[in-house]
Structure formats: structure tokens, C-alpha cells
Amino acid sequence: MRAKNEGQSNFFDVCSQCRNSCCRNARPPLTLKRKKIVERYLEKQKIPVENLFVHTAYIFPKEDAEGYCIFYNKKTKKCLIHHVKPETCVSGPITFDINTQNQKIEWHLKKQKICSLAGMLYKNKEILEKHLKLAKKEIFRLVRELDSEALKTILKIEEPETFKIGEDDVDKNILGKLSKKI
């Protein structure tokens, strides 16, 4: 399980007031390792783990009839698996793309009009830097552990209403996954 991140203590307050839900139609990617971590966590919580994930080009949590992640509690507006949630959920509202031309992973922040938390982060550079550091750690773990097909598939997903906030070099192994033919 992840340790609580300093500087994120008021994130829930911001997110619980949001009218948009990043837990709707999100389909956060899971590695096989993260899926097992989630399943073990649910078992410890005495929650059945059968039939909770969709296996397509990549693995993600199922959605309910309204498109909400099955781990999202609409009453409390909290995540049932918060302590072990997917890397992209931890890093939100920071997203990423991989530019194979310049061999960089690009970091993007959602715009405030679609994410109140992004607005709060943008206004507080110290908290943004702390969160970006965490997001980078989580996303780098994700892209290292995803297989080639899954990584290529999630990179095709459009992330509208974002702007670039930085970039880093990409590991050659990750670039190698992107050059593989599926």
C-alpha cells in the first residue's frame, strides 16, 4: 500500500465538491501486478473479487450502467480501493504522453474548467511540484510494467483540455515497447 502523500490532505475536499467526475468513463489502465494488488486488498476487506475487471487491449476496472468505475462510491464520492488505486488515478489530474520523436515523456495538467483539483494545483506551485513528483513515480512504474499492446493502446486515448507542464527522458526499454509490432 502507498503511504499517504504530504500535501494531498485537502485533495478530497476539492474533489468531493466537483461536478465532473474523473471516476466516470475513465478506464484507468492496470498492470497485472496492480490488478493482483487490488484483488488482495479487496479480499482483505472481505469484498468479492470475481468479475471486476475488463480485459481488452489493456486491463481496467469495470464500469456501472452510468459509466462510473465500480470502485467509486457515489454516496460518499470516495474510492473503495483508494489505498491501492491505479497509478493514473493517483497521478490525476496530471496525464502523460510519450513523444517517440524526441524520446520524451510529456507531462500535462488538466485545465481547471474540467478539474477543480487541477486549478488548485496550478495556483499552488509547491503542491503542484510535490504532486508532479508522485505522478511521475506512479506513471513511470505503469509504463515500465505495461506490455507493448497495452501501452500503445492507452497512448491513443485522447486527453482533451490539458496543457503541457514538463517533460523527461524516456527509458530505452519503454521506447522499445512502442517500436514493437503487435
N, C-alpha and C. Protein backbone atom coordinates (compact mmCIF):
# COMPACT_ATOMS: atom_id res chain seq x y z
N MET A 1 0.83 -1.18 0.00
CA MET A 1 0.00 0.00 0.00
C MET A 1 0.88 1.24 0.00
N ARG A 2 0.35 2.29 -0.58
CA ARG A 2 1.08 3.54 -0.67
C ARG A 2 0.98 4.31 0.64
N ALA A 3 2.05 4.99 0.98
CA ALA A 3 2.00 5.89 2.14
C ALA A 3 1.22 7.14 1.75
N LYS A 4 0.60 7.76 2.72
CA LYS A 4 -0.12 8.99 2.44
C LYS A 4 0.86 10.04 1.97
N ASN A 5 0.47 10.79 0.94
CA ASN A 5 1.36 11.79 0.38
C ASN A 5 1.13 13.13 1.06
N GLU A 6 2.22 13.69 1.57
CA GLU A 6 2.14 15.02 2.17
C GLU A 6 1.68 16.01 1.10
N GLY A 7 0.86 16.95 1.49
CA GLY A 7 0.40 17.96 0.55
C GLY A 7 -0.89 17.59 -0.14
N GLN A 8 -1.35 16.36 0.02
CA GLN A 8 -2.58 15.93 -0.64
C GLN A 8 -3.75 15.84 0.32
N SER A 9 -3.58 16.28 1.53
CA SER A 9 -4.62 16.10 2.54
C SER A 9 -5.92 16.80 2.20
N ASN A 10 -5.86 17.89 1.45
CA ASN A 10 -7.11 18.59 1.12
C ASN A 10 -7.63 18.23 -0.28
N PHE A 11 -7.03 17.27 -0.96
CA PHE A 11 -7.48 16.88 -2.29
C PHE A 11 -8.93 16.39 -2.26
N PHE A 12 -9.27 15.57 -1.26
CA PHE A 12 -10.64 15.05 -1.22
C PHE A 12 -11.65 16.18 -1.07
N ASP A 13 -11.33 17.18 -0.28
CA ASP A 13 -12.25 18.31 -0.12
C ASP A 13 -12.54 18.97 -1.47
N VAL A 14 -11.50 19.17 -2.25
CA VAL A 14 -11.67 19.78 -3.57
C VAL A 14 -12.45 18.84 -4.48
N CYS A 15 -12.06 17.60 -4.52
CA CYS A 15 -12.69 16.63 -5.43
C CYS A 15 -14.14 16.34 -5.06
N SER A 16 -14.46 16.31 -3.77
CA SER A 16 -15.83 15.99 -3.37
C SER A 16 -16.82 17.08 -3.77
N GLN A 17 -16.34 18.28 -4.03
CA GLN A 17 -17.20 19.38 -4.46
C GLN A 17 -17.33 19.47 -5.98
N CYS A 18 -16.59 18.65 -6.68
CA CYS A 18 -16.53 18.72 -8.14
C CYS A 18 -17.81 18.18 -8.78
N ARG A 19 -18.25 18.83 -9.84
CA ARG A 19 -19.42 18.35 -10.58
C ARG A 19 -19.02 17.36 -11.66
N ASN A 20 -17.79 17.44 -12.09
CA ASN A 20 -17.25 16.47 -13.06
C ASN A 20 -16.71 15.31 -12.26
N SER A 21 -16.74 14.15 -12.83
CA SER A 21 -16.19 13.02 -12.11
C SER A 21 -15.12 12.34 -12.95
N CYS A 22 -13.90 12.38 -12.42
CA CYS A 22 -12.81 11.68 -13.12
C CYS A 22 -12.98 10.17 -12.98
N CYS A 23 -13.93 9.75 -12.19
CA CYS A 23 -14.20 8.32 -11.99
C CYS A 23 -15.26 7.80 -12.96
N ARG A 24 -15.65 8.63 -13.91
CA ARG A 24 -16.66 8.25 -14.89
C ARG A 24 -16.02 8.19 -16.27
N ASN A 25 -16.22 7.08 -16.95
CA ASN A 25 -15.67 6.86 -18.29
C ASN A 25 -14.15 7.05 -18.34
N ALA A 26 -13.48 6.70 -17.27
CA ALA A 26 -12.03 6.93 -17.19
C ALA A 26 -11.22 5.73 -17.66
N ARG A 27 -11.63 4.53 -17.29
CA ARG A 27 -10.95 3.30 -17.66
C ARG A 27 -9.45 3.33 -17.40
N PRO A 28 -9.06 3.53 -16.12
CA PRO A 28 -7.64 3.59 -15.81
C PRO A 28 -6.94 2.26 -16.06
N PRO A 29 -5.80 2.29 -16.73
CA PRO A 29 -5.09 1.04 -17.02
C PRO A 29 -4.50 0.40 -15.77
N LEU A 30 -4.56 -0.92 -15.76
CA LEU A 30 -3.97 -1.70 -14.67
C LEU A 30 -2.96 -2.68 -15.25
N THR A 31 -1.83 -2.78 -14.61
CA THR A 31 -0.90 -3.84 -14.94
C THR A 31 -1.41 -5.10 -14.24
N LEU A 32 -0.90 -6.25 -14.64
CA LEU A 32 -1.28 -7.48 -13.94
C LEU A 32 -0.89 -7.39 -12.47
N LYS A 33 0.24 -6.78 -12.19
CA LYS A 33 0.71 -6.62 -10.82
C LYS A 33 -0.27 -5.76 -10.01
N ARG A 34 -0.70 -4.63 -10.57
CA ARG A 34 -1.64 -3.75 -9.86
C ARG A 34 -2.98 -4.46 -9.67
N LYS A 35 -3.43 -5.22 -10.66
CA LYS A 35 -4.68 -5.96 -10.55
C LYS A 35 -4.62 -6.92 -9.36
N LYS A 36 -3.51 -7.62 -9.22
CA LYS A 36 -3.34 -8.55 -8.09
C LYS A 36 -3.32 -7.80 -6.76
N ILE A 37 -2.69 -6.65 -6.72
CA ILE A 37 -2.67 -5.83 -5.50
C ILE A 37 -4.09 -5.41 -5.12
N VAL A 38 -4.87 -4.99 -6.11
CA VAL A 38 -6.26 -4.59 -5.86
C VAL A 38 -7.06 -5.79 -5.37
N GLU A 39 -6.90 -6.93 -6.01
CA GLU A 39 -7.64 -8.12 -5.60
C GLU A 39 -7.30 -8.53 -4.17
N ARG A 40 -6.01 -8.52 -3.82
CA ARG A 40 -5.62 -8.85 -2.44
C ARG A 40 -6.22 -7.86 -1.44
N TYR A 41 -6.22 -6.59 -1.80
CA TYR A 41 -6.78 -5.56 -0.94
C TYR A 41 -8.28 -5.81 -0.72
N LEU A 42 -8.99 -6.11 -1.80
CA LEU A 42 -10.43 -6.38 -1.70
C LEU A 42 -10.71 -7.62 -0.87
N GLU A 43 -9.90 -8.65 -1.04
CA GLU A 43 -10.06 -9.87 -0.24
C GLU A 43 -9.89 -9.58 1.25
N LYS A 44 -8.90 -8.76 1.59
CA LYS A 44 -8.69 -8.37 2.99
C LYS A 44 -9.88 -7.58 3.53
N GLN A 45 -10.54 -6.84 2.65
CA GLN A 45 -11.71 -6.06 3.04
C GLN A 45 -12.99 -6.91 3.00
N LYS A 46 -12.83 -8.18 2.67
CA LYS A 46 -13.95 -9.13 2.57
C LYS A 46 -14.94 -8.75 1.46
N ILE A 47 -14.40 -8.24 0.36
CA ILE A 47 -15.20 -7.86 -0.81
C ILE A 47 -14.90 -8.86 -1.91
N PRO A 48 -15.95 -9.46 -2.52
CA PRO A 48 -15.72 -10.43 -3.60
C PRO A 48 -14.92 -9.81 -4.75
N VAL A 49 -14.03 -10.60 -5.32
CA VAL A 49 -13.15 -10.08 -6.37
C VAL A 49 -13.45 -10.63 -7.76
N GLU A 50 -14.48 -11.41 -7.91
CA GLU A 50 -14.77 -12.00 -9.21
C GLU A 50 -15.39 -10.97 -10.15
N ASN A 51 -14.97 -11.04 -11.40
CA ASN A 51 -15.60 -10.29 -12.47
C ASN A 51 -15.60 -8.76 -12.25
N LEU A 52 -14.48 -8.22 -11.82
CA LEU A 52 -14.39 -6.78 -11.55
C LEU A 52 -13.63 -6.01 -12.62
N PHE A 53 -12.99 -6.72 -13.54
CA PHE A 53 -12.11 -6.06 -14.49
C PHE A 53 -12.47 -6.42 -15.93
N VAL A 54 -12.19 -5.50 -16.82
CA VAL A 54 -12.36 -5.71 -18.25
C VAL A 54 -10.97 -6.00 -18.82
N HIS A 55 -10.88 -7.05 -19.63
CA HIS A 55 -9.62 -7.42 -20.27
C HIS A 55 -9.78 -7.21 -21.77
N THR A 56 -9.27 -6.09 -22.27
CA THR A 56 -9.26 -5.82 -23.71
C THR A 56 -7.79 -5.69 -24.11
N ALA A 57 -7.45 -4.69 -24.86
CA ALA A 57 -6.04 -4.45 -25.19
C ALA A 57 -5.26 -4.10 -23.92
N TYR A 58 -5.99 -3.62 -22.91
CA TYR A 58 -5.41 -3.41 -21.58
C TYR A 58 -6.49 -3.71 -20.55
N ILE A 59 -6.08 -3.86 -19.30
CA ILE A 59 -6.99 -4.20 -18.20
C ILE A 59 -7.43 -2.90 -17.51
N PHE A 60 -8.74 -2.80 -17.19
CA PHE A 60 -9.24 -1.68 -16.42
C PHE A 60 -10.46 -2.12 -15.60
N PRO A 61 -10.80 -1.37 -14.54
CA PRO A 61 -11.97 -1.74 -13.73
C PRO A 61 -13.26 -1.62 -14.54
N LYS A 62 -14.18 -2.51 -14.27
CA LYS A 62 -15.50 -2.43 -14.92
C LYS A 62 -16.18 -1.12 -14.55
N GLU A 63 -17.20 -0.78 -15.32
CA GLU A 63 -17.99 0.41 -15.05
C GLU A 63 -19.43 -0.01 -14.80
N ASP A 64 -20.15 0.83 -14.04
CA ASP A 64 -21.58 0.55 -13.83
C ASP A 64 -22.36 1.07 -15.04
N ALA A 65 -23.68 0.97 -15.01
CA ALA A 65 -24.53 1.36 -16.13
C ALA A 65 -24.39 2.83 -16.51
N GLU A 66 -23.98 3.67 -15.55
CA GLU A 66 -23.80 5.10 -15.82
C GLU A 66 -22.37 5.45 -16.23
N GLY A 67 -21.52 4.45 -16.31
CA GLY A 67 -20.14 4.68 -16.73
C GLY A 67 -19.18 4.97 -15.59
N TYR A 68 -19.64 4.86 -14.34
CA TYR A 68 -18.75 5.09 -13.19
C TYR A 68 -17.94 3.83 -12.91
N CYS A 69 -16.70 4.04 -12.51
CA CYS A 69 -15.85 2.93 -12.07
C CYS A 69 -16.57 2.17 -10.96
N ILE A 70 -16.51 0.85 -11.00
CA ILE A 70 -17.21 0.07 -9.98
C ILE A 70 -16.64 0.28 -8.58
N PHE A 71 -15.47 0.87 -8.49
CA PHE A 71 -14.88 1.13 -7.18
C PHE A 71 -15.23 2.52 -6.64
N TYR A 72 -16.03 3.28 -7.39
CA TYR A 72 -16.42 4.62 -6.97
C TYR A 72 -17.74 4.55 -6.20
N ASN A 73 -17.75 5.08 -4.99
CA ASN A 73 -18.97 5.12 -4.18
C ASN A 73 -19.64 6.46 -4.44
N LYS A 74 -20.77 6.44 -5.11
CA LYS A 74 -21.47 7.68 -5.49
C LYS A 74 -22.00 8.44 -4.28
N LYS A 75 -22.30 7.74 -3.20
CA LYS A 75 -22.82 8.42 -2.00
C LYS A 75 -21.72 9.19 -1.28
N THR A 76 -20.59 8.53 -1.06
CA THR A 76 -19.50 9.18 -0.32
C THR A 76 -18.54 9.94 -1.23
N LYS A 77 -18.64 9.67 -2.53
CA LYS A 77 -17.72 10.23 -3.53
C LYS A 77 -16.27 9.83 -3.24
N LYS A 78 -16.11 8.64 -2.71
CA LYS A 78 -14.78 8.14 -2.39
C LYS A 78 -14.53 6.84 -3.15
N CYS A 79 -13.25 6.54 -3.29
CA CYS A 79 -12.82 5.33 -3.97
C CYS A 79 -12.72 4.18 -2.98
N LEU A 80 -13.33 3.07 -3.33
CA LEU A 80 -13.31 1.88 -2.49
C LEU A 80 -11.90 1.30 -2.35
N ILE A 81 -11.08 1.54 -3.37
CA ILE A 81 -9.72 0.99 -3.36
C ILE A 81 -8.67 2.12 -3.29
N HIS A 82 -9.02 3.20 -2.66
CA HIS A 82 -8.16 4.39 -2.62
C HIS A 82 -6.70 4.07 -2.28
N HIS A 83 -6.46 3.21 -1.33
CA HIS A 83 -5.10 2.92 -0.87
C HIS A 83 -4.26 2.14 -1.89
N VAL A 84 -4.91 1.52 -2.87
CA VAL A 84 -4.19 0.73 -3.87
C VAL A 84 -4.66 1.06 -5.29
N LYS A 85 -5.26 2.20 -5.46
CA LYS A 85 -5.85 2.54 -6.76
C LYS A 85 -4.82 2.63 -7.88
N PRO A 86 -5.28 2.56 -9.13
CA PRO A 86 -4.37 2.58 -10.28
C PRO A 86 -3.48 3.83 -10.31
N GLU A 87 -2.34 3.67 -10.92
CA GLU A 87 -1.34 4.74 -10.99
C GLU A 87 -1.90 6.02 -11.62
N THR A 88 -2.71 5.89 -12.67
CA THR A 88 -3.25 7.10 -13.30
C THR A 88 -4.26 7.80 -12.40
N CYS A 89 -4.91 7.06 -11.53
CA CYS A 89 -5.83 7.68 -10.56
C CYS A 89 -5.04 8.45 -9.51
N VAL A 90 -3.92 7.89 -9.08
CA VAL A 90 -3.06 8.57 -8.11
C VAL A 90 -2.52 9.85 -8.73
N SER A 91 -2.10 9.80 -9.98
CA SER A 91 -1.45 10.94 -10.60
C SER A 91 -2.42 12.01 -11.09
N GLY A 92 -3.68 11.68 -11.27
CA GLY A 92 -4.65 12.66 -11.74
C GLY A 92 -4.62 13.92 -10.90
N PRO A 93 -4.78 15.05 -11.47
CA PRO A 93 -5.12 15.44 -12.84
C PRO A 93 -3.92 15.62 -13.76
N ILE A 94 -2.81 14.98 -13.43
CA ILE A 94 -1.64 15.01 -14.31
C ILE A 94 -1.73 13.80 -15.23
N THR A 95 -1.58 14.05 -16.51
CA THR A 95 -1.62 13.00 -17.52
C THR A 95 -0.28 12.97 -18.24
N PHE A 96 -0.13 12.04 -19.16
CA PHE A 96 1.15 11.91 -19.85
C PHE A 96 0.94 11.48 -21.29
N ASP A 97 1.97 11.69 -22.07
CA ASP A 97 2.05 11.18 -23.43
C ASP A 97 3.52 10.87 -23.67
N ILE A 98 3.80 9.99 -24.59
CA ILE A 98 5.19 9.69 -24.93
C ILE A 98 5.44 10.13 -26.36
N ASN A 99 6.39 11.02 -26.52
CA ASN A 99 6.77 11.54 -27.82
C ASN A 99 7.98 10.74 -28.29
N THR A 100 7.75 9.83 -29.23
CA THR A 100 8.84 8.97 -29.69
C THR A 100 9.84 9.74 -30.57
N GLN A 101 9.40 10.84 -31.14
CA GLN A 101 10.30 11.64 -31.99
C GLN A 101 11.45 12.23 -31.18
N ASN A 102 11.12 12.85 -30.04
CA ASN A 102 12.18 13.45 -29.22
C ASN A 102 12.56 12.58 -28.02
N GLN A 103 11.93 11.40 -27.93
CA GLN A 103 12.21 10.41 -26.88
C GLN A 103 11.98 10.99 -25.48
N LYS A 104 10.83 11.65 -25.33
CA LYS A 104 10.48 12.27 -24.06
C LYS A 104 9.09 11.80 -23.62
N ILE A 105 8.92 11.73 -22.31
CA ILE A 105 7.58 11.56 -21.76
C ILE A 105 7.14 12.97 -21.38
N GLU A 106 5.98 13.33 -21.87
CA GLU A 106 5.47 14.69 -21.66
C GLU A 106 4.41 14.65 -20.56
N TRP A 107 4.49 15.62 -19.66
CA TRP A 107 3.56 15.73 -18.54
C TRP A 107 2.57 16.84 -18.83
N HIS A 108 1.28 16.54 -18.64
CA HIS A 108 0.22 17.50 -18.91
C HIS A 108 -0.65 17.65 -17.66
N LEU A 109 -1.21 18.84 -17.50
CA LEU A 109 -2.15 19.11 -16.41
C LEU A 109 -3.49 19.43 -17.03
N LYS A 110 -4.55 18.83 -16.49
CA LYS A 110 -5.89 19.13 -16.98
C LYS A 110 -6.21 20.59 -16.69
N LYS A 111 -7.10 21.15 -17.48
CA LYS A 111 -7.50 22.54 -17.27
C LYS A 111 -8.52 22.62 -16.15
N GLN A 112 -8.53 23.74 -15.48
CA GLN A 112 -9.41 23.94 -14.33
C GLN A 112 -10.88 23.77 -14.70
N LYS A 113 -11.27 24.12 -15.92
CA LYS A 113 -12.69 24.02 -16.30
C LYS A 113 -13.21 22.59 -16.27
N ILE A 114 -12.31 21.60 -16.34
CA ILE A 114 -12.76 20.21 -16.24
C ILE A 114 -12.31 19.54 -14.95
N CYS A 115 -11.42 20.22 -14.18
CA CYS A 115 -10.91 19.61 -12.95
C CYS A 115 -10.56 20.70 -11.94
N SER A 116 -11.35 20.80 -10.90
CA SER A 116 -11.09 21.79 -9.84
C SER A 116 -9.75 21.54 -9.16
N LEU A 117 -9.39 20.29 -9.00
CA LEU A 117 -8.11 19.96 -8.37
C LEU A 117 -6.96 20.50 -9.21
N ALA A 118 -7.06 20.39 -10.51
CA ALA A 118 -6.02 20.92 -11.39
C ALA A 118 -5.86 22.42 -11.17
N GLY A 119 -6.98 23.13 -11.02
CA GLY A 119 -6.93 24.56 -10.76
C GLY A 119 -6.22 24.87 -9.45
N MET A 120 -6.53 24.08 -8.41
CA MET A 120 -5.89 24.27 -7.11
C MET A 120 -4.39 24.01 -7.22
N LEU A 121 -4.01 22.96 -7.92
CA LEU A 121 -2.59 22.63 -8.09
C LEU A 121 -1.86 23.74 -8.84
N TYR A 122 -2.48 24.22 -9.91
CA TYR A 122 -1.85 25.25 -10.73
C TYR A 122 -1.59 26.53 -9.93
N LYS A 123 -2.48 26.82 -9.01
CA LYS A 123 -2.36 28.04 -8.20
C LYS A 123 -1.34 27.89 -7.07
N ASN A 124 -1.01 26.65 -6.70
CA ASN A 124 -0.07 26.42 -5.62
C ASN A 124 1.11 25.61 -6.16
N LYS A 125 2.13 26.30 -6.60
CA LYS A 125 3.27 25.65 -7.27
C LYS A 125 3.97 24.62 -6.38
N GLU A 126 4.03 24.87 -5.08
CA GLU A 126 4.69 23.92 -4.17
C GLU A 126 3.94 22.59 -4.14
N ILE A 127 2.63 22.66 -4.02
CA ILE A 127 1.84 21.42 -4.02
C ILE A 127 1.87 20.76 -5.39
N LEU A 128 1.84 21.56 -6.45
CA LEU A 128 1.94 21.01 -7.81
C LEU A 128 3.24 20.23 -7.97
N GLU A 129 4.34 20.80 -7.53
CA GLU A 129 5.63 20.11 -7.65
C GLU A 129 5.65 18.80 -6.87
N LYS A 130 5.10 18.79 -5.66
CA LYS A 130 5.04 17.56 -4.87
C LYS A 130 4.18 16.51 -5.57
N HIS A 131 3.04 16.97 -6.09
CA HIS A 131 2.14 16.02 -6.75
C HIS A 131 2.75 15.53 -8.07
N LEU A 132 3.42 16.41 -8.79
CA LEU A 132 4.06 16.01 -10.04
C LEU A 132 5.14 14.96 -9.77
N LYS A 133 5.88 15.13 -8.71
CA LYS A 133 6.91 14.14 -8.34
C LYS A 133 6.27 12.77 -8.10
N LEU A 134 5.16 12.74 -7.36
CA LEU A 134 4.43 11.49 -7.12
C LEU A 134 3.88 10.93 -8.42
N ALA A 135 3.27 11.80 -9.25
CA ALA A 135 2.68 11.36 -10.51
C ALA A 135 3.74 10.73 -11.41
N LYS A 136 4.90 11.36 -11.48
CA LYS A 136 5.98 10.81 -12.31
C LYS A 136 6.37 9.41 -11.84
N LYS A 137 6.53 9.25 -10.54
CA LYS A 137 6.89 7.95 -9.98
C LYS A 137 5.84 6.89 -10.36
N GLU A 138 4.57 7.23 -10.19
CA GLU A 138 3.49 6.28 -10.48
C GLU A 138 3.40 5.97 -11.98
N ILE A 139 3.47 7.00 -12.82
CA ILE A 139 3.34 6.79 -14.26
C ILE A 139 4.55 6.04 -14.81
N PHE A 140 5.74 6.37 -14.35
CA PHE A 140 6.91 5.61 -14.81
C PHE A 140 6.77 4.14 -14.45
N ARG A 141 6.26 3.84 -13.24
CA ARG A 141 6.04 2.44 -12.85
C ARG A 141 5.04 1.80 -13.82
N LEU A 142 3.97 2.50 -14.12
CA LEU A 142 2.93 1.97 -15.01
C LEU A 142 3.51 1.67 -16.39
N VAL A 143 4.18 2.63 -17.00
CA VAL A 143 4.65 2.40 -18.38
C VAL A 143 5.75 1.35 -18.44
N ARG A 144 6.51 1.18 -17.37
CA ARG A 144 7.51 0.11 -17.35
C ARG A 144 6.85 -1.26 -17.28
N GLU A 145 5.74 -1.35 -16.53
CA GLU A 145 5.11 -2.65 -16.29
C GLU A 145 4.08 -3.05 -17.34
N LEU A 146 3.53 -2.09 -18.08
CA LEU A 146 2.55 -2.43 -19.12
C LEU A 146 3.24 -3.16 -20.26
N ASP A 147 2.50 -4.07 -20.88
CA ASP A 147 3.06 -4.70 -22.07
C ASP A 147 2.92 -3.74 -23.25
N SER A 148 3.54 -4.09 -24.34
CA SER A 148 3.60 -3.23 -25.51
C SER A 148 2.21 -2.85 -26.04
N GLU A 149 1.34 -3.84 -26.18
CA GLU A 149 -0.01 -3.59 -26.72
C GLU A 149 -0.80 -2.65 -25.81
N ALA A 150 -0.74 -2.89 -24.51
CA ALA A 150 -1.47 -2.04 -23.57
C ALA A 150 -0.96 -0.61 -23.61
N LEU A 151 0.36 -0.44 -23.60
CA LEU A 151 0.94 0.90 -23.62
C LEU A 151 0.55 1.64 -24.90
N LYS A 152 0.66 0.98 -26.03
CA LYS A 152 0.28 1.62 -27.31
C LYS A 152 -1.20 2.00 -27.31
N THR A 153 -2.02 1.15 -26.75
CA THR A 153 -3.47 1.42 -26.72
C THR A 153 -3.79 2.64 -25.85
N ILE A 154 -3.22 2.70 -24.66
CA ILE A 154 -3.57 3.83 -23.79
C ILE A 154 -2.98 5.14 -24.31
N LEU A 155 -1.89 5.08 -25.05
CA LEU A 155 -1.33 6.31 -25.63
C LEU A 155 -2.21 6.87 -26.75
N LYS A 156 -3.10 6.05 -27.28
CA LYS A 156 -4.03 6.52 -28.32
C LYS A 156 -5.24 7.24 -27.73
N ILE A 157 -5.43 7.13 -26.42
CA ILE A 157 -6.59 7.75 -25.77
C ILE A 157 -6.37 9.26 -25.69
N GLU A 158 -7.30 10.00 -26.22
CA GLU A 158 -7.21 11.46 -26.21
C GLU A 158 -7.40 12.01 -24.81
N GLU A 159 -6.63 12.99 -24.46
CA GLU A 159 -6.74 13.70 -23.18
C GLU A 159 -7.03 15.17 -23.50
N PRO A 160 -8.28 15.50 -23.76
CA PRO A 160 -8.60 16.89 -24.11
C PRO A 160 -8.48 17.80 -22.89
N GLU A 161 -8.42 19.07 -23.16
CA GLU A 161 -8.41 20.08 -22.10
C GLU A 161 -7.24 19.92 -21.13
N THR A 162 -6.05 19.74 -21.69
CA THR A 162 -4.83 19.67 -20.89
C THR A 162 -3.79 20.61 -21.50
N PHE A 163 -2.77 20.92 -20.73
CA PHE A 163 -1.64 21.67 -21.27
C PHE A 163 -0.35 21.09 -20.69
N LYS A 164 0.70 21.19 -21.50
CA LYS A 164 1.99 20.60 -21.14
C LYS A 164 2.64 21.39 -20.02
N ILE A 165 3.14 20.64 -19.00
CA ILE A 165 3.83 21.29 -17.87
C ILE A 165 5.27 20.82 -17.72
N GLY A 166 5.70 19.91 -18.57
CA GLY A 166 7.08 19.45 -18.49
C GLY A 166 7.31 18.20 -19.30
N GLU A 167 8.55 17.75 -19.30
CA GLU A 167 8.92 16.52 -20.00
C GLU A 167 10.18 15.95 -19.38
N ASP A 168 10.37 14.65 -19.58
CA ASP A 168 11.55 13.94 -19.10
C ASP A 168 11.98 12.95 -20.18
N ASP A 169 13.22 12.52 -20.09
CA ASP A 169 13.71 11.48 -20.99
C ASP A 169 12.95 10.18 -20.72
N VAL A 170 12.81 9.39 -21.78
CA VAL A 170 12.14 8.09 -21.66
C VAL A 170 13.19 6.98 -21.73
N ASP A 171 13.04 6.03 -20.87
CA ASP A 171 13.87 4.84 -20.81
C ASP A 171 13.82 4.13 -22.17
N LYS A 172 14.96 3.64 -22.63
CA LYS A 172 15.05 2.93 -23.93
C LYS A 172 14.15 1.70 -23.97
N ASN A 173 13.97 1.03 -22.82
CA ASN A 173 13.09 -0.15 -22.79
C ASN A 173 11.65 0.23 -23.10
N ILE A 174 11.23 1.39 -22.60
CA ILE A 174 9.87 1.87 -22.88
C ILE A 174 9.74 2.21 -24.36
N LEU A 175 10.73 2.90 -24.91
CA LEU A 175 10.71 3.22 -26.34
C LEU A 175 10.70 1.95 -27.17
N GLY A 176 11.40 0.93 -26.70
CA GLY A 176 11.42 -0.35 -27.41
C GLY A 176 10.04 -0.98 -27.47
N LYS A 177 9.27 -0.85 -26.40
CA LYS A 177 7.90 -1.37 -26.41
C LYS A 177 7.06 -0.70 -27.48
N LEU A 178 7.29 0.59 -27.67
CA LEU A 178 6.50 1.35 -28.63
C LEU A 178 6.89 1.07 -30.07
N SER A 179 8.09 0.55 -30.29
CA SER A 179 8.52 0.23 -31.65
C SER A 179 8.17 -1.19 -32.06
N LYS A 180 7.75 -2.02 -31.08
CA LYS A 180 7.39 -3.40 -31.39
C LYS A 180 6.10 -3.45 -32.21
N LYS A 181 6.05 -4.36 -33.14
CA LYS A 181 4.83 -4.61 -33.89
C LYS A 181 3.94 -5.51 -33.06
N ILE A 182 2.65 -5.20 -33.07
CA ILE A 182 1.69 -6.00 -32.29
C ILE A 182 1.16 -7.13 -33.14
